[in-house]
Amino acid sequence: MTKKVKFVIGGAQKCGMSVLSVSLRAHPEIFIPAQKELH
């Protein structure tokens, strides 16, 4: 069974995405990649 993406959050420079990433990383059911910007 593979895990599927349920949502994606996009953002722009200087819009607080780092703070959101840190906050979401604390949740046990949410996976945040180690590499912040995936291309």
Protein backbone atom coordinates (compact mmCIF):
# COMPACT_ATOMS: atom_id res chain seq x y z
CA MET A 1 0.00 0.00 0.00
CA THR A 2 1.44 3.35 -1.00
CA LYS A 3 0.70 6.60 0.74
CA LYS A 4 -1.01 9.26 -1.34
CA VAL A 5 -0.62 13.00 -1.09
CA LYS A 6 -3.70 14.51 0.55
CA PHE A 7 -2.70 18.15 0.24
CA VAL A 8 0.09 20.39 -1.02
CA ILE A 9 0.91 23.84 0.31
CA GLY A 10 2.61 26.32 -2.00
CA GLY A 11 4.04 29.67 -1.06
CA ALA A 12 6.16 32.57 -2.15
CA GLN A 13 9.34 34.07 -0.73
CA LYS A 14 8.96 35.92 2.58
CA CYS A 15 5.41 34.70 3.24
CA GLY A 16 5.92 32.62 6.39
CA MET A 17 6.23 29.17 4.86
CA SER A 18 9.15 28.30 7.16
CA VAL A 19 7.02 28.92 10.24
CA LEU A 20 4.19 26.85 8.76
CA SER A 21 6.62 24.05 7.95
CA VAL A 22 8.00 23.96 11.50
CA SER A 23 4.48 23.96 12.95
CA LEU A 24 3.28 21.13 10.69
CA ARG A 25 6.44 19.09 11.35
CA ALA A 26 5.38 18.82 15.02
CA HIS A 27 2.21 16.91 14.05
CA PRO A 28 2.71 13.12 14.21
CA GLU A 29 0.53 12.35 11.16
CA ILE A 30 2.09 14.91 8.80
CA PHE A 31 5.28 14.23 6.86
CA ILE A 32 7.46 17.18 5.90
CA PRO A 33 10.47 16.39 3.65
CA ALA A 34 13.91 17.24 5.03
CA GLN A 35 14.64 19.24 1.87
CA LYS A 36 12.46 22.34 2.05
CA GLU A 37 12.20 23.11 -1.67
CA LEU A 38 11.33 20.17 -3.90
CA HIS A 39 11.62 20.80 -7.64
